[in-house]
Amino acid sequence: MKHWLYLAFLLVWLLILVCQWLIGWRKLWHERFTWPWIVLGLGSYLSIADAVAIQQNIWFFRPAFITGWYLGNLPVEELCFYFLTTAMIVQGFVMLVPPKRPML
């Protein structure tokens, strides 16, 4: 079970994303052509920066706490972490900031 611990904690953040959609689905859907690109860009940038840091031995992950699945040298859990975190933050901003154009 230890190998799945990090991924299990990330499932909680997935539940937060679901709650955001349940609460603010109209605003999120209205801005659907903008915010996903921001999530994709920031999540990719942060994942690449993390991969570089791992390659430079700035930090590492204990094999006992990750699944062992990698994309290059980046654990899949880290990829999920950056994209889920970015999605939560960006969706939160979309839900709280007034829209630029009227919602129909």
N, C-alpha and C. Protein backbone atom coordinates (compact mmCIF):
# COMPACT_ATOMS: atom_id res chain seq x y z
N MET A 1 0.82 -1.21 0.00
CA MET A 1 0.00 0.00 0.00
C MET A 1 0.85 1.26 0.00
N LYS A 2 2.05 1.18 0.56
CA LYS A 2 2.91 2.36 0.64
C LYS A 2 3.18 2.93 -0.75
N HIS A 3 3.32 2.05 -1.74
CA HIS A 3 3.62 2.51 -3.10
C HIS A 3 2.51 3.39 -3.66
N TRP A 4 1.33 3.25 -3.18
CA TRP A 4 0.18 4.00 -3.69
C TRP A 4 -0.18 5.20 -2.82
N LEU A 5 0.59 5.44 -1.78
CA LEU A 5 0.25 6.48 -0.80
C LEU A 5 0.16 7.87 -1.42
N TYR A 6 1.17 8.27 -2.17
CA TYR A 6 1.19 9.61 -2.79
C TYR A 6 0.02 9.75 -3.76
N LEU A 7 -0.20 8.74 -4.58
CA LEU A 7 -1.30 8.78 -5.54
C LEU A 7 -2.65 8.81 -4.83
N ALA A 8 -2.77 8.12 -3.72
CA ALA A 8 -4.02 8.13 -2.95
C ALA A 8 -4.33 9.53 -2.42
N PHE A 9 -3.31 10.24 -1.94
CA PHE A 9 -3.52 11.62 -1.48
C PHE A 9 -3.96 12.53 -2.63
N LEU A 10 -3.45 12.27 -3.81
CA LEU A 10 -3.83 13.08 -4.97
C LEU A 10 -5.29 12.87 -5.36
N LEU A 11 -5.85 11.73 -5.03
CA LEU A 11 -7.27 11.48 -5.30
C LEU A 11 -8.16 12.45 -4.52
N VAL A 12 -7.70 12.88 -3.36
CA VAL A 12 -8.45 13.87 -2.58
C VAL A 12 -8.54 15.17 -3.37
N TRP A 13 -7.47 15.56 -4.04
CA TRP A 13 -7.50 16.78 -4.85
C TRP A 13 -8.41 16.62 -6.04
N LEU A 14 -8.50 15.40 -6.55
CA LEU A 14 -9.45 15.15 -7.64
C LEU A 14 -10.88 15.37 -7.16
N LEU A 15 -11.14 15.00 -5.92
CA LEU A 15 -12.47 15.26 -5.34
C LEU A 15 -12.74 16.75 -5.21
N ILE A 16 -11.70 17.52 -4.90
CA ILE A 16 -11.86 18.98 -4.83
C ILE A 16 -12.22 19.54 -6.20
N LEU A 17 -11.59 19.02 -7.25
CA LEU A 17 -11.94 19.46 -8.62
C LEU A 17 -13.40 19.14 -8.93
N VAL A 18 -13.85 17.98 -8.52
CA VAL A 18 -15.25 17.59 -8.75
C VAL A 18 -16.17 18.55 -7.99
N CYS A 19 -15.83 18.89 -6.76
CA CYS A 19 -16.63 19.85 -5.99
C CYS A 19 -16.66 21.22 -6.66
N GLN A 20 -15.53 21.65 -7.21
CA GLN A 20 -15.51 22.92 -7.92
C GLN A 20 -16.48 22.89 -9.10
N TRP A 21 -16.51 21.78 -9.82
CA TRP A 21 -17.43 21.68 -10.95
C TRP A 21 -18.89 21.63 -10.49
N LEU A 22 -19.14 20.97 -9.36
CA LEU A 22 -20.51 20.93 -8.85
C LEU A 22 -20.99 22.32 -8.43
N ILE A 23 -20.09 23.11 -7.88
CA ILE A 23 -20.46 24.45 -7.40
C ILE A 23 -20.46 25.49 -8.52
N GLY A 24 -19.42 25.48 -9.34
CA GLY A 24 -19.26 26.57 -10.31
C GLY A 24 -19.27 26.14 -11.76
N TRP A 25 -20.03 25.12 -12.08
CA TRP A 25 -19.98 24.56 -13.42
C TRP A 25 -20.36 25.57 -14.51
N ARG A 26 -21.27 26.49 -14.20
CA ARG A 26 -21.67 27.47 -15.23
C ARG A 26 -20.50 28.37 -15.64
N LYS A 27 -19.80 28.90 -14.64
CA LYS A 27 -18.66 29.77 -14.95
C LYS A 27 -17.53 28.98 -15.60
N LEU A 28 -17.28 27.79 -15.11
CA LEU A 28 -16.21 26.98 -15.68
C LEU A 28 -16.52 26.60 -17.12
N TRP A 29 -17.77 26.27 -17.38
CA TRP A 29 -18.17 25.92 -18.75
C TRP A 29 -18.12 27.15 -19.66
N HIS A 30 -18.53 28.28 -19.13
CA HIS A 30 -18.54 29.53 -19.91
C HIS A 30 -17.13 29.91 -20.35
N GLU A 31 -16.15 29.66 -19.51
CA GLU A 31 -14.75 30.01 -19.81
C GLU A 31 -13.94 28.81 -20.30
N ARG A 32 -14.63 27.80 -20.81
CA ARG A 32 -13.97 26.54 -21.19
C ARG A 32 -12.94 26.65 -22.29
N PHE A 33 -12.94 27.74 -23.05
CA PHE A 33 -11.96 27.89 -24.11
C PHE A 33 -10.71 28.64 -23.64
N THR A 34 -10.71 29.08 -22.40
CA THR A 34 -9.57 29.84 -21.87
C THR A 34 -8.79 29.07 -20.82
N TRP A 35 -9.44 28.71 -19.72
CA TRP A 35 -8.72 28.16 -18.58
C TRP A 35 -8.04 26.81 -18.82
N PRO A 36 -8.58 25.91 -19.66
CA PRO A 36 -7.84 24.65 -19.87
C PRO A 36 -6.45 24.86 -20.49
N TRP A 37 -6.31 25.88 -21.33
CA TRP A 37 -5.00 26.17 -21.93
C TRP A 37 -4.02 26.65 -20.87
N ILE A 38 -4.52 27.40 -19.90
CA ILE A 38 -3.67 27.88 -18.82
C ILE A 38 -3.20 26.69 -17.97
N VAL A 39 -4.12 25.78 -17.66
CA VAL A 39 -3.77 24.58 -16.89
C VAL A 39 -2.74 23.75 -17.66
N LEU A 40 -2.97 23.56 -18.95
CA LEU A 40 -2.04 22.77 -19.76
C LEU A 40 -0.66 23.42 -19.79
N GLY A 41 -0.60 24.73 -20.00
CA GLY A 41 0.68 25.43 -20.07
C GLY A 41 1.43 25.42 -18.75
N LEU A 42 0.76 25.81 -17.67
CA LEU A 42 1.42 25.86 -16.37
C LEU A 42 1.79 24.47 -15.85
N GLY A 43 0.88 23.52 -16.02
CA GLY A 43 1.17 22.16 -15.59
C GLY A 43 2.37 21.57 -16.33
N SER A 44 2.46 21.85 -17.63
CA SER A 44 3.59 21.37 -18.42
C SER A 44 4.88 22.04 -17.97
N TYR A 45 4.84 23.35 -17.80
CA TYR A 45 6.03 24.08 -17.37
C TYR A 45 6.54 23.57 -16.03
N LEU A 46 5.65 23.42 -15.06
CA LEU A 46 6.06 22.97 -13.74
C LEU A 46 6.58 21.53 -13.77
N SER A 47 5.98 20.69 -14.60
CA SER A 47 6.43 19.30 -14.72
C SER A 47 7.82 19.23 -15.34
N ILE A 48 8.06 20.06 -16.36
CA ILE A 48 9.38 20.09 -16.98
C ILE A 48 10.42 20.61 -16.00
N ALA A 49 10.07 21.65 -15.26
CA ALA A 49 11.00 22.18 -14.25
C ALA A 49 11.31 21.13 -13.19
N ASP A 50 10.33 20.35 -12.80
CA ASP A 50 10.53 19.29 -11.83
C ASP A 50 11.44 18.20 -12.40
N ALA A 51 11.21 17.84 -13.66
CA ALA A 51 12.05 16.82 -14.31
C ALA A 51 13.51 17.28 -14.36
N VAL A 52 13.72 18.56 -14.64
CA VAL A 52 15.08 19.11 -14.67
C VAL A 52 15.70 19.04 -13.26
N ALA A 53 14.93 19.40 -12.25
CA ALA A 53 15.42 19.35 -10.87
C ALA A 53 15.78 17.93 -10.46
N ILE A 54 14.99 16.95 -10.88
CA ILE A 54 15.29 15.55 -10.58
C ILE A 54 16.57 15.13 -11.30
N GLN A 55 16.69 15.54 -12.56
CA GLN A 55 17.88 15.19 -13.35
C GLN A 55 19.15 15.80 -12.73
N GLN A 56 19.03 16.99 -12.17
CA GLN A 56 20.17 17.67 -11.55
C GLN A 56 20.40 17.23 -10.10
N ASN A 57 19.65 16.24 -9.65
CA ASN A 57 19.75 15.71 -8.28
C ASN A 57 19.47 16.77 -7.22
N ILE A 58 18.60 17.72 -7.54
CA ILE A 58 18.19 18.71 -6.55
C ILE A 58 17.27 18.07 -5.53
N TRP A 59 16.42 17.15 -6.00
CA TRP A 59 15.62 16.35 -5.09
C TRP A 59 15.31 15.01 -5.72
N PHE A 60 14.75 14.13 -4.92
CA PHE A 60 14.45 12.78 -5.38
C PHE A 60 13.21 12.28 -4.66
N PHE A 61 12.72 11.14 -5.09
CA PHE A 61 11.53 10.54 -4.49
C PHE A 61 11.88 9.14 -4.02
N ARG A 62 11.46 8.84 -2.82
CA ARG A 62 11.73 7.51 -2.27
C ARG A 62 10.85 6.50 -2.99
N PRO A 63 11.46 5.48 -3.53
CA PRO A 63 10.70 4.46 -4.27
C PRO A 63 9.61 3.78 -3.44
N ALA A 64 9.76 3.79 -2.13
CA ALA A 64 8.76 3.14 -1.27
C ALA A 64 7.42 3.86 -1.30
N PHE A 65 7.40 5.13 -1.71
CA PHE A 65 6.17 5.91 -1.64
C PHE A 65 5.57 6.27 -2.98
N ILE A 66 6.15 5.77 -4.06
CA ILE A 66 5.60 6.04 -5.40
C ILE A 66 5.37 4.72 -6.12
N THR A 67 4.55 4.76 -7.15
CA THR A 67 4.19 3.54 -7.87
C THR A 67 5.33 2.97 -8.70
N GLY A 68 6.25 3.82 -9.13
CA GLY A 68 7.33 3.35 -9.99
C GLY A 68 7.04 3.60 -11.46
N TRP A 69 5.93 4.25 -11.74
CA TRP A 69 5.61 4.62 -13.12
C TRP A 69 6.21 5.99 -13.40
N TYR A 70 6.89 6.10 -14.52
CA TYR A 70 7.58 7.33 -14.87
C TYR A 70 7.23 7.80 -16.27
N LEU A 71 7.31 9.10 -16.46
CA LEU A 71 7.27 9.70 -17.79
C LEU A 71 8.64 10.37 -17.93
N GLY A 72 9.55 9.73 -18.62
CA GLY A 72 10.94 10.17 -18.60
C GLY A 72 11.51 9.87 -17.23
N ASN A 73 12.02 10.89 -16.55
CA ASN A 73 12.50 10.68 -15.19
C ASN A 73 11.52 11.22 -14.14
N LEU A 74 10.34 11.62 -14.59
CA LEU A 74 9.34 12.23 -13.71
C LEU A 74 8.32 11.19 -13.26
N PRO A 75 8.20 10.98 -11.94
CA PRO A 75 7.17 10.05 -11.46
C PRO A 75 5.77 10.53 -11.87
N VAL A 76 4.92 9.60 -12.21
CA VAL A 76 3.55 9.94 -12.64
C VAL A 76 2.83 10.72 -11.54
N GLU A 77 3.13 10.42 -10.30
CA GLU A 77 2.50 11.15 -9.19
C GLU A 77 2.82 12.64 -9.24
N GLU A 78 4.05 12.98 -9.60
CA GLU A 78 4.44 14.39 -9.69
C GLU A 78 3.72 15.07 -10.84
N LEU A 79 3.57 14.37 -11.94
CA LEU A 79 2.83 14.90 -13.08
C LEU A 79 1.39 15.20 -12.66
N CYS A 80 0.76 14.25 -11.99
CA CYS A 80 -0.60 14.45 -11.49
C CYS A 80 -0.65 15.61 -10.49
N PHE A 81 0.34 15.68 -9.61
CA PHE A 81 0.39 16.74 -8.62
C PHE A 81 0.36 18.11 -9.28
N TYR A 82 1.22 18.34 -10.25
CA TYR A 82 1.30 19.66 -10.86
C TYR A 82 0.05 20.00 -11.67
N PHE A 83 -0.49 19.04 -12.39
CA PHE A 83 -1.69 19.34 -13.18
C PHE A 83 -2.92 19.50 -12.30
N LEU A 84 -3.07 18.69 -11.26
CA LEU A 84 -4.22 18.84 -10.36
C LEU A 84 -4.14 20.14 -9.57
N THR A 85 -2.95 20.47 -9.08
CA THR A 85 -2.78 21.71 -8.32
C THR A 85 -3.09 22.91 -9.20
N THR A 86 -2.54 22.92 -10.40
CA THR A 86 -2.79 24.02 -11.33
C THR A 86 -4.27 24.12 -11.67
N ALA A 87 -4.92 22.99 -11.91
CA ALA A 87 -6.35 23.00 -12.24
C ALA A 87 -7.17 23.55 -11.07
N MET A 88 -6.84 23.14 -9.84
CA MET A 88 -7.60 23.65 -8.69
C MET A 88 -7.47 25.17 -8.57
N ILE A 89 -6.26 25.66 -8.72
CA ILE A 89 -6.03 27.10 -8.57
C ILE A 89 -6.70 27.89 -9.69
N VAL A 90 -6.51 27.46 -10.93
CA VAL A 90 -7.07 28.18 -12.06
C VAL A 90 -8.59 28.14 -12.03
N GLN A 91 -9.16 26.98 -11.76
CA GLN A 91 -10.62 26.90 -11.66
C GLN A 91 -11.15 27.76 -10.52
N GLY A 92 -10.42 27.82 -9.42
CA GLY A 92 -10.82 28.68 -8.31
C GLY A 92 -10.86 30.14 -8.72
N PHE A 93 -9.86 30.58 -9.48
CA PHE A 93 -9.86 31.96 -9.98
C PHE A 93 -11.02 32.19 -10.93
N VAL A 94 -11.26 31.25 -11.82
CA VAL A 94 -12.38 31.40 -12.76
C VAL A 94 -13.69 31.52 -12.02
N MET A 95 -13.84 30.76 -10.96
CA MET A 95 -15.09 30.79 -10.20
C MET A 95 -15.26 32.09 -9.42
N LEU A 96 -14.15 32.73 -9.01
CA LEU A 96 -14.24 33.91 -8.16
C LEU A 96 -14.16 35.24 -8.91
N VAL A 97 -13.50 35.25 -10.06
CA VAL A 97 -13.32 36.50 -10.81
C VAL A 97 -14.52 36.70 -11.73
N PRO A 98 -15.05 37.91 -11.79
CA PRO A 98 -16.19 38.16 -12.69
C PRO A 98 -15.82 37.90 -14.15
N PRO A 99 -16.75 37.39 -14.95
CA PRO A 99 -16.45 37.10 -16.35
C PRO A 99 -16.20 38.36 -17.16
N LYS A 100 -15.38 38.24 -18.23
CA LYS A 100 -15.07 39.37 -19.10
C LYS A 100 -16.25 39.71 -20.02
N ARG A 101 -16.99 38.68 -20.36
CA ARG A 101 -18.14 38.87 -21.25
C ARG A 101 -19.38 38.30 -20.56
N PRO A 102 -20.54 38.78 -20.91
CA PRO A 102 -21.75 38.32 -20.21
C PRO A 102 -21.99 36.83 -20.40
N MET A 103 -22.43 36.21 -19.32
CA MET A 103 -22.80 34.78 -19.39
C MET A 103 -24.23 34.69 -19.87
N LEU A 104 -24.49 33.74 -20.73
CA LEU A 104 -25.86 33.55 -21.23
C LEU A 104 -26.55 32.46 -20.49
